[in-house]
Amino acid sequence: FAPRCRYRMPVCDEPIPLFDFGAGHVAR
C-alpha cells in the first residue's frame, strides 16, 4: 500500500511484520 499511503517512509520498502494491539487486533 506504500505507493498510495500519505505516511510513506523509506522503511516501508522493507518487509513489514504484523503488529499486535491486543485482544486479537493486528495490523501490518
mmCIF file of all heavy atoms, coordinates in Angstrom:
data_MODEL
# 
_entry.id   MODEL 
# 
loop_
_atom_site.group_PDB 
_atom_site.id 
_atom_site.type_symbol 
_atom_site.label_atom_id 
_atom_site.label_alt_id 
_atom_site.label_comp_id 
_atom_site.label_asym_id 
_atom_site.label_entity_id 
_atom_site.label_seq_id 
_atom_site.pdbx_PDB_ins_code 
_atom_site.Cartn_x 
_atom_site.Cartn_y 
_atom_site.Cartn_z 
_atom_site.occupancy 
_atom_site.B_iso_or_equiv 
_atom_site.pdbx_formal_charge 
_atom_site.auth_seq_id 
_atom_site.auth_comp_id 
_atom_site.auth_asym_id 
_atom_site.auth_atom_id 
_atom_site.pdbx_PDB_model_num 
ATOM 1   N N   . PHE A 1 1  ? 0.816  -1.209  0.000  1.00 0.00 ? 1  PHE A N   1 
ATOM 2   C CA  . PHE A 1 1  ? 0.000  0.000   0.000  1.00 0.00 ? 1  PHE A CA  1 
ATOM 3   C C   . PHE A 1 1  ? 0.856  1.268   0.000  1.00 0.00 ? 1  PHE A C   1 
ATOM 4   O O   . PHE A 1 1  ? 0.332  2.367   -0.204 1.00 0.00 ? 1  PHE A O   1 
ATOM 5   C CB  . PHE A 1 1  ? -0.925 -0.009  1.224  1.00 0.00 ? 1  PHE A CB  1 
ATOM 6   C CG  . PHE A 1 1  ? -1.901 1.138   1.265  1.00 0.00 ? 1  PHE A CG  1 
ATOM 7   C CD1 . PHE A 1 1  ? -2.881 1.276   0.296  1.00 0.00 ? 1  PHE A CD1 1 
ATOM 8   C CD2 . PHE A 1 1  ? -1.838 2.087   2.284  1.00 0.00 ? 1  PHE A CD2 1 
ATOM 9   C CE1 . PHE A 1 1  ? -3.780 2.332   0.322  1.00 0.00 ? 1  PHE A CE1 1 
ATOM 10  C CE2 . PHE A 1 1  ? -2.727 3.149   2.329  1.00 0.00 ? 1  PHE A CE2 1 
ATOM 11  C CZ  . PHE A 1 1  ? -3.706 3.268   1.339  1.00 0.00 ? 1  PHE A CZ  1 
ATOM 12  N N   . ALA A 1 2  ? 2.154  1.134   0.199  1.00 0.00 ? 2  ALA A N   1 
ATOM 13  C CA  . ALA A 1 2  ? 3.042  2.292   0.368  1.00 0.00 ? 2  ALA A CA  1 
ATOM 14  C C   . ALA A 1 2  ? 2.917  3.334   -0.745 1.00 0.00 ? 2  ALA A C   1 
ATOM 15  O O   . ALA A 1 2  ? 2.886  4.541   -0.454 1.00 0.00 ? 2  ALA A O   1 
ATOM 16  C CB  . ALA A 1 2  ? 4.490  1.826   0.510  1.00 0.00 ? 2  ALA A CB  1 
ATOM 17  N N   . PRO A 1 3  ? 2.839  2.956   -2.034 1.00 0.00 ? 3  PRO A N   1 
ATOM 18  C CA  . PRO A 1 3  ? 2.755  3.988   -3.078 1.00 0.00 ? 3  PRO A CA  1 
ATOM 19  C C   . PRO A 1 3  ? 1.514  4.875   -2.974 1.00 0.00 ? 3  PRO A C   1 
ATOM 20  O O   . PRO A 1 3  ? 1.505  5.976   -3.521 1.00 0.00 ? 3  PRO A O   1 
ATOM 21  C CB  . PRO A 1 3  ? 2.730  3.160   -4.376 1.00 0.00 ? 3  PRO A CB  1 
ATOM 22  C CG  . PRO A 1 3  ? 3.403  1.875   -4.022 1.00 0.00 ? 3  PRO A CG  1 
ATOM 23  C CD  . PRO A 1 3  ? 2.987  1.606   -2.614 1.00 0.00 ? 3  PRO A CD  1 
ATOM 24  N N   . ARG A 1 4  ? 0.489  4.426   -2.262 1.00 0.00 ? 4  ARG A N   1 
ATOM 25  C CA  . ARG A 1 4  ? -0.744 5.205   -2.138 1.00 0.00 ? 4  ARG A CA  1 
ATOM 26  C C   . ARG A 1 4  ? -0.888 5.826   -0.751 1.00 0.00 ? 4  ARG A C   1 
ATOM 27  O O   . ARG A 1 4  ? -1.877 6.516   -0.483 1.00 0.00 ? 4  ARG A O   1 
ATOM 28  C CB  . ARG A 1 4  ? -1.953 4.295   -2.397 1.00 0.00 ? 4  ARG A CB  1 
ATOM 29  C CG  . ARG A 1 4  ? -1.885 3.536   -3.681 1.00 0.00 ? 4  ARG A CG  1 
ATOM 30  C CD  . ARG A 1 4  ? -2.984 2.507   -3.799 1.00 0.00 ? 4  ARG A CD  1 
ATOM 31  N NE  . ARG A 1 4  ? -4.308 3.112   -3.967 1.00 0.00 ? 4  ARG A NE  1 
ATOM 32  C CZ  . ARG A 1 4  ? -5.438 2.404   -4.010 1.00 0.00 ? 4  ARG A CZ  1 
ATOM 33  N NH1 . ARG A 1 4  ? -5.403 1.094   -3.883 1.00 0.00 ? 4  ARG A NH1 1 
ATOM 34  N NH2 . ARG A 1 4  ? -6.594 3.026   -4.162 1.00 0.00 ? 4  ARG A NH2 1 
ATOM 35  N N   . CYS A 1 5  ? 0.064  5.579   0.120  1.00 0.00 ? 5  CYS A N   1 
ATOM 36  C CA  . CYS A 1 5  ? -0.087 5.947   1.530  1.00 0.00 ? 5  CYS A CA  1 
ATOM 37  C C   . CYS A 1 5  ? 0.464  7.346   1.808  1.00 0.00 ? 5  CYS A C   1 
ATOM 38  O O   . CYS A 1 5  ? 1.574  7.694   1.395  1.00 0.00 ? 5  CYS A O   1 
ATOM 39  C CB  . CYS A 1 5  ? 0.634  4.920   2.411  1.00 0.00 ? 5  CYS A CB  1 
ATOM 40  S SG  . CYS A 1 5  ? 0.429  5.212   4.183  1.00 0.00 ? 5  CYS A SG  1 
ATOM 41  N N   . ARG A 1 6  ? -0.286 8.140   2.565  1.00 0.00 ? 6  ARG A N   1 
ATOM 42  C CA  . ARG A 1 6  ? 0.149  9.503   2.907  1.00 0.00 ? 6  ARG A CA  1 
ATOM 43  C C   . ARG A 1 6  ? 1.243  9.516   3.964  1.00 0.00 ? 6  ARG A C   1 
ATOM 44  O O   . ARG A 1 6  ? 1.825  10.559  4.258  1.00 0.00 ? 6  ARG A O   1 
ATOM 45  C CB  . ARG A 1 6  ? -1.052 10.314  3.393  1.00 0.00 ? 6  ARG A CB  1 
ATOM 46  C CG  . ARG A 1 6  ? -1.852 9.644   4.485  1.00 0.00 ? 6  ARG A CG  1 
ATOM 47  C CD  . ARG A 1 6  ? -3.149 10.372  4.767  1.00 0.00 ? 6  ARG A CD  1 
ATOM 48  N NE  . ARG A 1 6  ? -4.152 9.479   5.337  1.00 0.00 ? 6  ARG A NE  1 
ATOM 49  C CZ  . ARG A 1 6  ? -5.374 9.858   5.684  1.00 0.00 ? 6  ARG A CZ  1 
ATOM 50  N NH1 . ARG A 1 6  ? -5.735 11.107  5.524  1.00 0.00 ? 6  ARG A NH1 1 
ATOM 51  N NH2 . ARG A 1 6  ? -6.234 8.997   6.177  1.00 0.00 ? 6  ARG A NH2 1 
ATOM 52  N N   . TYR A 1 7  ? 1.511  8.366   4.587  1.00 0.00 ? 7  TYR A N   1 
ATOM 53  C CA  . TYR A 1 7  ? 2.536  8.288   5.629  1.00 0.00 ? 7  TYR A CA  1 
ATOM 54  C C   . TYR A 1 7  ? 3.775  7.535   5.156  1.00 0.00 ? 7  TYR A C   1 
ATOM 55  O O   . TYR A 1 7  ? 4.571  7.074   5.966  1.00 0.00 ? 7  TYR A O   1 
ATOM 56  C CB  . TYR A 1 7  ? 1.975  7.582   6.869  1.00 0.00 ? 7  TYR A CB  1 
ATOM 57  C CG  . TYR A 1 7  ? 0.784  8.285   7.457  1.00 0.00 ? 7  TYR A CG  1 
ATOM 58  C CD1 . TYR A 1 7  ? -0.498 7.818   7.194  1.00 0.00 ? 7  TYR A CD1 1 
ATOM 59  C CD2 . TYR A 1 7  ? 0.934  9.408   8.258  1.00 0.00 ? 7  TYR A CD2 1 
ATOM 60  C CE1 . TYR A 1 7  ? -1.611 8.462   7.720  1.00 0.00 ? 7  TYR A CE1 1 
ATOM 61  C CE2 . TYR A 1 7  ? -0.168 10.059  8.789  1.00 0.00 ? 7  TYR A CE2 1 
ATOM 62  C CZ  . TYR A 1 7  ? -1.433 9.577   8.512  1.00 0.00 ? 7  TYR A CZ  1 
ATOM 63  O OH  . TYR A 1 7  ? -2.531 10.225  9.031  1.00 0.00 ? 7  TYR A OH  1 
ATOM 64  N N   . ARG A 1 8  ? 3.949  7.385   3.856  1.00 0.00 ? 8  ARG A N   1 
ATOM 65  C CA  . ARG A 1 8  ? 5.048  6.571   3.346  1.00 0.00 ? 8  ARG A CA  1 
ATOM 66  C C   . ARG A 1 8  ? 6.395  7.078   3.838  1.00 0.00 ? 8  ARG A C   1 
ATOM 67  O O   . ARG A 1 8  ? 6.666  8.272   3.849  1.00 0.00 ? 8  ARG A O   1 
ATOM 68  C CB  . ARG A 1 8  ? 5.031  6.569   1.821  1.00 0.00 ? 8  ARG A CB  1 
ATOM 69  C CG  . ARG A 1 8  ? 6.113  5.668   1.234  1.00 0.00 ? 8  ARG A CG  1 
ATOM 70  C CD  . ARG A 1 8  ? 6.008  5.547   -0.265 1.00 0.00 ? 8  ARG A CD  1 
ATOM 71  N NE  . ARG A 1 8  ? 6.983  4.579   -0.771 1.00 0.00 ? 8  ARG A NE  1 
ATOM 72  C CZ  . ARG A 1 8  ? 7.053  4.204   -2.032 1.00 0.00 ? 8  ARG A CZ  1 
ATOM 73  N NH1 . ARG A 1 8  ? 6.224  4.709   -2.918 1.00 0.00 ? 8  ARG A NH1 1 
ATOM 74  N NH2 . ARG A 1 8  ? 7.968  3.328   -2.407 1.00 0.00 ? 8  ARG A NH2 1 
ATOM 75  N N   . MET A 1 9  ? 7.246  6.111   4.241  1.00 0.00 ? 9  MET A N   1 
ATOM 76  C CA  . MET A 1 9  ? 8.605  6.394   4.708  1.00 0.00 ? 9  MET A CA  1 
ATOM 77  C C   . MET A 1 9  ? 9.563  5.403   4.058  1.00 0.00 ? 9  MET A C   1 
ATOM 78  O O   . MET A 1 9  ? 9.115  4.381   3.532  1.00 0.00 ? 9  MET A O   1 
ATOM 79  C CB  . MET A 1 9  ? 8.667  6.246   6.237  1.00 0.00 ? 9  MET A CB  1 
ATOM 80  C CG  . MET A 1 9  ? 7.814  7.241   6.993  1.00 0.00 ? 9  MET A CG  1 
ATOM 81  S SD  . MET A 1 9  ? 7.685  6.791   8.762  1.00 0.00 ? 9  MET A SD  1 
ATOM 82  C CE  . MET A 1 9  ? 6.494  5.456   8.692  1.00 0.00 ? 9  MET A CE  1 
ATOM 83  N N   . PRO A 1 10 ? 10.864 5.661   4.084  1.00 0.00 ? 10 PRO A N   1 
ATOM 84  C CA  . PRO A 1 10 ? 11.818 4.716   3.482  1.00 0.00 ? 10 PRO A CA  1 
ATOM 85  C C   . PRO A 1 10 ? 11.695 3.302   4.049  1.00 0.00 ? 10 PRO A C   1 
ATOM 86  O O   . PRO A 1 10 ? 11.867 2.321   3.304  1.00 0.00 ? 10 PRO A O   1 
ATOM 87  C CB  . PRO A 1 10 ? 13.184 5.336   3.814  1.00 0.00 ? 10 PRO A CB  1 
ATOM 88  C CG  . PRO A 1 10 ? 12.898 6.804   3.904  1.00 0.00 ? 10 PRO A CG  1 
ATOM 89  C CD  . PRO A 1 10 ? 11.541 6.909   4.516  1.00 0.00 ? 10 PRO A CD  1 
ATOM 90  N N   . VAL A 1 11 ? 11.374 3.176   5.337  1.00 0.00 ? 11 VAL A N   1 
ATOM 91  C CA  . VAL A 1 11 ? 11.293 1.859   5.961  1.00 0.00 ? 11 VAL A CA  1 
ATOM 92  C C   . VAL A 1 11 ? 10.136 1.044   5.399  1.00 0.00 ? 11 VAL A C   1 
ATOM 93  O O   . VAL A 1 11 ? 10.097 -0.186  5.532  1.00 0.00 ? 11 VAL A O   1 
ATOM 94  C CB  . VAL A 1 11 ? 11.162 2.007   7.497  1.00 0.00 ? 11 VAL A CB  1 
ATOM 95  C CG1 . VAL A 1 11 ? 9.792  2.554   7.881  1.00 0.00 ? 11 VAL A CG1 1 
ATOM 96  C CG2 . VAL A 1 11 ? 11.430 0.687   8.194  1.00 0.00 ? 11 VAL A CG2 1 
ATOM 97  N N   . CYS A 1 12 ? 9.177  1.698   4.727  1.00 0.00 ? 12 CYS A N   1 
ATOM 98  C CA  . CYS A 1 12 ? 8.037  0.984   4.141  1.00 0.00 ? 12 CYS A CA  1 
ATOM 99  C C   . CYS A 1 12 ? 8.465  0.069   2.995  1.00 0.00 ? 12 CYS A C   1 
ATOM 100 O O   . CYS A 1 12 ? 7.690  -0.805  2.579  1.00 0.00 ? 12 CYS A O   1 
ATOM 101 C CB  . CYS A 1 12 ? 6.991  1.969   3.641  1.00 0.00 ? 12 CYS A CB  1 
ATOM 102 S SG  . CYS A 1 12 ? 6.236  2.978   4.938  1.00 0.00 ? 12 CYS A SG  1 
ATOM 103 N N   . ASP A 1 13 ? 9.661  0.260   2.463  1.00 0.00 ? 13 ASP A N   1 
ATOM 104 C CA  . ASP A 1 13 ? 10.144 -0.577  1.374  1.00 0.00 ? 13 ASP A CA  1 
ATOM 105 C C   . ASP A 1 13 ? 10.761 -1.877  1.870  1.00 0.00 ? 13 ASP A C   1 
ATOM 106 O O   . ASP A 1 13 ? 11.194 -2.705  1.055  1.00 0.00 ? 13 ASP A O   1 
ATOM 107 C CB  . ASP A 1 13 ? 11.179 0.192   0.544  1.00 0.00 ? 13 ASP A CB  1 
ATOM 108 C CG  . ASP A 1 13 ? 10.553 1.392   -0.158 1.00 0.00 ? 13 ASP A CG  1 
ATOM 109 O OD1 . ASP A 1 13 ? 9.365  1.302   -0.526 1.00 0.00 ? 13 ASP A OD1 1 
ATOM 110 O OD2 . ASP A 1 13 ? 11.248 2.414   -0.325 1.00 0.00 ? 13 ASP A OD2 1 
ATOM 111 N N   . GLU A 1 14 ? 10.786 -2.070  3.195  1.00 0.00 ? 14 GLU A N   1 
ATOM 112 C CA  . GLU A 1 14 ? 11.277 -3.313  3.776  1.00 0.00 ? 14 GLU A CA  1 
ATOM 113 C C   . GLU A 1 14 ? 10.096 -4.224  4.100  1.00 0.00 ? 14 GLU A C   1 
ATOM 114 O O   . GLU A 1 14 ? 8.960  -3.756  4.201  1.00 0.00 ? 14 GLU A O   1 
ATOM 115 C CB  . GLU A 1 14 ? 12.065 -3.014  5.066  1.00 0.00 ? 14 GLU A CB  1 
ATOM 116 C CG  . GLU A 1 14 ? 13.256 -2.099  4.857  1.00 0.00 ? 14 GLU A CG  1 
ATOM 117 C CD  . GLU A 1 14 ? 13.934 -1.747  6.175  1.00 0.00 ? 14 GLU A CD  1 
ATOM 118 O OE1 . GLU A 1 14 ? 13.584 -2.376  7.193  1.00 0.00 ? 14 GLU A OE1 1 
ATOM 119 O OE2 . GLU A 1 14 ? 14.783 -0.839  6.169  1.00 0.00 ? 14 GLU A OE2 1 
ATOM 120 N N   . PRO A 1 15 ? 10.324 -5.545  4.253  1.00 0.00 ? 15 PRO A N   1 
ATOM 121 C CA  . PRO A 1 15 ? 9.235  -6.458  4.644  1.00 0.00 ? 15 PRO A CA  1 
ATOM 122 C C   . PRO A 1 15 ? 8.583  -5.999  5.948  1.00 0.00 ? 15 PRO A C   1 
ATOM 123 O O   . PRO A 1 15 ? 9.264  -5.639  6.905  1.00 0.00 ? 15 PRO A O   1 
ATOM 124 C CB  . PRO A 1 15 ? 9.952  -7.801  4.818  1.00 0.00 ? 15 PRO A CB  1 
ATOM 125 C CG  . PRO A 1 15 ? 11.146 -7.704  3.911  1.00 0.00 ? 15 PRO A CG  1 
ATOM 126 C CD  . PRO A 1 15 ? 11.579 -6.261  3.988  1.00 0.00 ? 15 PRO A CD  1 
ATOM 127 N N   . ILE A 1 16 ? 7.253  -6.001  5.980  1.00 0.00 ? 16 ILE A N   1 
ATOM 128 C CA  . ILE A 1 16 ? 6.507  -5.459  7.108  1.00 0.00 ? 16 ILE A CA  1 
ATOM 129 C C   . ILE A 1 16 ? 5.874  -6.589  7.918  1.00 0.00 ? 16 ILE A C   1 
ATOM 130 O O   . ILE A 1 16 ? 5.103  -7.392  7.376  1.00 0.00 ? 16 ILE A O   1 
ATOM 131 C CB  . ILE A 1 16 ? 5.395  -4.497  6.631  1.00 0.00 ? 16 ILE A CB  1 
ATOM 132 C CG1 . ILE A 1 16 ? 5.956  -3.480  5.632  1.00 0.00 ? 16 ILE A CG1 1 
ATOM 133 C CG2 . ILE A 1 16 ? 4.746  -3.809  7.824  1.00 0.00 ? 16 ILE A CG2 1 
ATOM 134 C CD1 . ILE A 1 16 ? 7.035  -2.593  6.174  1.00 0.00 ? 16 ILE A CD1 1 
ATOM 135 N N   . PRO A 1 17 ? 6.167  -6.665  9.222  1.00 0.00 ? 17 PRO A N   1 
ATOM 136 C CA  . PRO A 1 17 ? 5.516  -7.682  10.057 1.00 0.00 ? 17 PRO A CA  1 
ATOM 137 C C   . PRO A 1 17 ? 4.131  -7.214  10.503 1.00 0.00 ? 17 PRO A C   1 
ATOM 138 O O   . PRO A 1 17 ? 3.739  -6.071  10.278 1.00 0.00 ? 17 PRO A O   1 
ATOM 139 C CB  . PRO A 1 17 ? 6.466  -7.791  11.253 1.00 0.00 ? 17 PRO A CB  1 
ATOM 140 C CG  . PRO A 1 17 ? 7.009  -6.394  11.395 1.00 0.00 ? 17 PRO A CG  1 
ATOM 141 C CD  . PRO A 1 17 ? 7.140  -5.860  9.995  1.00 0.00 ? 17 PRO A CD  1 
ATOM 142 N N   . LEU A 1 18 ? 3.380  -8.104  11.151 1.00 0.00 ? 18 LEU A N   1 
ATOM 143 C CA  . LEU A 1 18 ? 2.114  -7.733  11.780 1.00 0.00 ? 18 LEU A CA  1 
ATOM 144 C C   . LEU A 1 18 ? 2.403  -7.207  13.179 1.00 0.00 ? 18 LEU A C   1 
ATOM 145 O O   . LEU A 1 18 ? 3.189  -7.801  13.927 1.00 0.00 ? 18 LEU A O   1 
ATOM 146 C CB  . LEU A 1 18 ? 1.184  -8.940  11.864 1.00 0.00 ? 18 LEU A CB  1 
ATOM 147 C CG  . LEU A 1 18 ? 0.480  -9.359  10.574 1.00 0.00 ? 18 LEU A CG  1 
ATOM 148 C CD1 . LEU A 1 18 ? -0.186 -10.714 10.771 1.00 0.00 ? 18 LEU A CD1 1 
ATOM 149 C CD2 . LEU A 1 18 ? -0.542 -8.326  10.151 1.00 0.00 ? 18 LEU A CD2 1 
ATOM 150 N N   . PHE A 1 19 ? 1.767  -6.101  13.546 1.00 0.00 ? 19 PHE A N   1 
ATOM 151 C CA  . PHE A 1 19 ? 1.917  -5.537  14.884 1.00 0.00 ? 19 PHE A CA  1 
ATOM 152 C C   . PHE A 1 19 ? 0.660  -5.831  15.693 1.00 0.00 ? 19 PHE A C   1 
ATOM 153 O O   . PHE A 1 19 ? -0.460 -5.674  15.198 1.00 0.00 ? 19 PHE A O   1 
ATOM 154 C CB  . PHE A 1 19 ? 2.185  -4.028  14.803 1.00 0.00 ? 19 PHE A CB  1 
ATOM 155 C CG  . PHE A 1 19 ? 3.531  -3.700  14.228 1.00 0.00 ? 19 PHE A CG  1 
ATOM 156 C CD1 . PHE A 1 19 ? 3.703  -3.558  12.857 1.00 0.00 ? 19 PHE A CD1 1 
ATOM 157 C CD2 . PHE A 1 19 ? 4.641  -3.567  15.050 1.00 0.00 ? 19 PHE A CD2 1 
ATOM 158 C CE1 . PHE A 1 19 ? 4.949  -3.276  12.314 1.00 0.00 ? 19 PHE A CE1 1 
ATOM 159 C CE2 . PHE A 1 19 ? 5.894  -3.288  14.516 1.00 0.00 ? 19 PHE A CE2 1 
ATOM 160 C CZ  . PHE A 1 19 ? 6.047  -3.140  13.154 1.00 0.00 ? 19 PHE A CZ  1 
ATOM 161 N N   . ASP A 1 20 ? 0.868  -6.268  16.930 1.00 0.00 ? 20 ASP A N   1 
ATOM 162 C CA  . ASP A 1 20 ? -0.226 -6.726  17.781 1.00 0.00 ? 20 ASP A CA  1 
ATOM 163 C C   . ASP A 1 20 ? -0.671 -5.605  18.710 1.00 0.00 ? 20 ASP A C   1 
ATOM 164 O O   . ASP A 1 20 ? 0.128  -5.036  19.450 1.00 0.00 ? 20 ASP A O   1 
ATOM 165 C CB  . ASP A 1 20 ? 0.253  -7.934  18.600 1.00 0.00 ? 20 ASP A CB  1 
ATOM 166 C CG  . ASP A 1 20 ? -0.874 -8.617  19.354 1.00 0.00 ? 20 ASP A CG  1 
ATOM 167 O OD1 . ASP A 1 20 ? -1.977 -8.051  19.421 1.00 0.00 ? 20 ASP A OD1 1 
ATOM 168 O OD2 . ASP A 1 20 ? -0.644 -9.725  19.870 1.00 0.00 ? 20 ASP A OD2 1 
ATOM 169 N N   . PHE A 1 21 ? -1.970 -5.282  18.687 1.00 0.00 ? 21 PHE A N   1 
ATOM 170 C CA  . PHE A 1 21 ? -2.529 -4.235  19.542 1.00 0.00 ? 21 PHE A CA  1 
ATOM 171 C C   . PHE A 1 21 ? -3.369 -4.801  20.677 1.00 0.00 ? 21 PHE A C   1 
ATOM 172 O O   . PHE A 1 21 ? -4.057 -4.068  21.376 1.00 0.00 ? 21 PHE A O   1 
ATOM 173 C CB  . PHE A 1 21 ? -3.369 -3.274  18.691 1.00 0.00 ? 21 PHE A CB  1 
ATOM 174 C CG  . PHE A 1 21 ? -2.592 -2.648  17.586 1.00 0.00 ? 21 PHE A CG  1 
ATOM 175 C CD1 . PHE A 1 21 ? -2.612 -3.200  16.310 1.00 0.00 ? 21 PHE A CD1 1 
ATOM 176 C CD2 . PHE A 1 21 ? -1.796 -1.539  17.810 1.00 0.00 ? 21 PHE A CD2 1 
ATOM 177 C CE1 . PHE A 1 21 ? -1.873 -2.647  15.287 1.00 0.00 ? 21 PHE A CE1 1 
ATOM 178 C CE2 . PHE A 1 21 ? -1.047 -0.982  16.787 1.00 0.00 ? 21 PHE A CE2 1 
ATOM 179 C CZ  . PHE A 1 21 ? -1.092 -1.531  15.528 1.00 0.00 ? 21 PHE A CZ  1 
ATOM 180 N N   . GLY A 1 22 ? -3.296 -6.111  20.866 1.00 0.00 ? 22 GLY A N   1 
ATOM 181 C CA  . GLY A 1 22 ? -4.012 -6.751  21.952 1.00 0.00 ? 22 GLY A CA  1 
ATOM 182 C C   . GLY A 1 22 ? -5.423 -7.148  21.561 1.00 0.00 ? 22 GLY A C   1 
ATOM 183 O O   . GLY A 1 22 ? -6.010 -6.614  20.629 1.00 0.00 ? 22 GLY A O   1 
ATOM 184 N N   . ALA A 1 23 ? -5.964 -8.129  22.284 1.00 0.00 ? 23 ALA A N   1 
ATOM 185 C CA  . ALA A 1 23 ? -7.331 -8.615  22.081 1.00 0.00 ? 23 ALA A CA  1 
ATOM 186 C C   . ALA A 1 23 ? -7.559 -9.097  20.651 1.00 0.00 ? 23 ALA A C   1 
ATOM 187 O O   . ALA A 1 23 ? -8.656 -8.971  20.112 1.00 0.00 ? 23 ALA A O   1 
ATOM 188 C CB  . ALA A 1 23 ? -8.342 -7.538  22.455 1.00 0.00 ? 23 ALA A CB  1 
ATOM 189 N N   . GLY A 1 24 ? -6.506 -9.633  20.019 1.00 0.00 ? 24 GLY A N   1 
ATOM 190 C CA  . GLY A 1 24 ? -6.636 -10.189 18.685 1.00 0.00 ? 24 GLY A CA  1 
ATOM 191 C C   . GLY A 1 24 ? -6.569 -9.193  17.548 1.00 0.00 ? 24 GLY A C   1 
ATOM 192 O O   . GLY A 1 24 ? -6.738 -9.563  16.386 1.00 0.00 ? 24 GLY A O   1 
ATOM 193 N N   . HIS A 1 25 ? -6.303 -7.916  17.843 1.00 0.00 ? 25 HIS A N   1 
ATOM 194 C CA  . HIS A 1 25 ? -6.257 -6.870  16.821 1.00 0.00 ? 25 HIS A CA  1 
ATOM 195 C C   . HIS A 1 25 ? -4.827 -6.736  16.313 1.00 0.00 ? 25 HIS A C   1 
ATOM 196 O O   . HIS A 1 25 ? -3.915 -6.413  17.083 1.00 0.00 ? 25 HIS A O   1 
ATOM 197 C CB  . HIS A 1 25 ? -6.749 -5.547  17.415 1.00 0.00 ? 25 HIS A CB  1 
ATOM 198 C CG  . HIS A 1 25 ? -6.930 -4.474  16.403 1.00 0.00 ? 25 HIS A CG  1 
ATOM 199 N ND1 . HIS A 1 25 ? -7.246 -3.176  16.744 1.00 0.00 ? 25 HIS A ND1 1 
ATOM 200 C CD2 . HIS A 1 25 ? -6.853 -4.485  15.041 1.00 0.00 ? 25 HIS A CD2 1 
ATOM 201 C CE1 . HIS A 1 25 ? -7.352 -2.440  15.654 1.00 0.00 ? 25 HIS A CE1 1 
ATOM 202 N NE2 . HIS A 1 25 ? -7.114 -3.210  14.611 1.00 0.00 ? 25 HIS A NE2 1 
ATOM 203 N N   . VAL A 1 26 ? -4.611 -6.970  15.008 1.00 0.00 ? 26 VAL A N   1 
ATOM 204 C CA  . VAL A 1 26 ? -3.275 -6.861  14.420 1.00 0.00 ? 26 VAL A CA  1 
ATOM 205 C C   . VAL A 1 26 ? -3.367 -6.039  13.141 1.00 0.00 ? 26 VAL A C   1 
ATOM 206 O O   . VAL A 1 26 ? -4.403 -5.971  12.486 1.00 0.00 ? 26 VAL A O   1 
ATOM 207 C CB  . VAL A 1 26 ? -2.667 -8.248  14.114 1.00 0.00 ? 26 VAL A CB  1 
ATOM 208 C CG1 . VAL A 1 26 ? -2.456 -9.047  15.380 1.00 0.00 ? 26 VAL A CG1 1 
ATOM 209 C CG2 . VAL A 1 26 ? -3.537 -9.018  13.131 1.00 0.00 ? 26 VAL A CG2 1 
ATOM 210 N N   . ALA A 1 27 ? -2.241 -5.399  12.785 1.00 0.00 ? 27 ALA A N   1 
ATOM 211 C CA  . ALA A 1 27 ? -2.173 -4.617  11.545 1.00 0.00 ? 27 ALA A CA  1 
ATOM 212 C C   . ALA A 1 27 ? -0.752 -4.656  11.005 1.00 0.00 ? 27 ALA A C   1 
ATOM 213 O O   . ALA A 1 27 ? 0.211  -4.708  11.764 1.00 0.00 ? 27 ALA A O   1 
ATOM 214 C CB  . ALA A 1 27 ? -2.616 -3.174  11.779 1.00 0.00 ? 27 ALA A CB  1 
ATOM 215 N N   . ARG A 1 28 ? -0.645 -4.611  9.673  1.00 0.00 ? 28 ARG A N   1 
ATOM 216 C CA  . ARG A 1 28 ? 0.656  -4.676  9.013  1.00 0.00 ? 28 ARG A CA  1 
ATOM 217 C C   . ARG A 1 28 ? 1.055  -3.274  8.575  1.00 0.00 ? 28 ARG A C   1 
ATOM 218 O O   . ARG A 1 28 ? 0.763  -2.835  7.461  1.00 0.00 ? 28 ARG A O   1 
ATOM 219 C CB  . ARG A 1 28 ? 0.574  -5.621  7.805  1.00 0.00 ? 28 ARG A CB  1 
ATOM 220 C CG  . ARG A 1 28 ? 1.920  -6.043  7.242  1.00 0.00 ? 28 ARG A CG  1 
ATOM 221 C CD  . ARG A 1 28 ? 1.745  -6.960  6.041  1.00 0.00 ? 28 ARG A CD  1 
ATOM 222 N NE  . ARG A 1 28 ? 1.008  -8.157  6.344  1.00 0.00 ? 28 ARG A NE  1 
ATOM 223 C CZ  . ARG A 1 28 ? 1.542  -9.252  6.901  1.00 0.00 ? 28 ARG A CZ  1 
ATOM 224 N NH1 . ARG A 1 28 ? 2.828  -9.275  7.207  1.00 0.00 ? 28 ARG A NH1 1 
ATOM 225 N NH2 . ARG A 1 28 ? 0.799  -10.315 7.141  1.00 0.00 ? 28 ARG A NH2 1 
# 
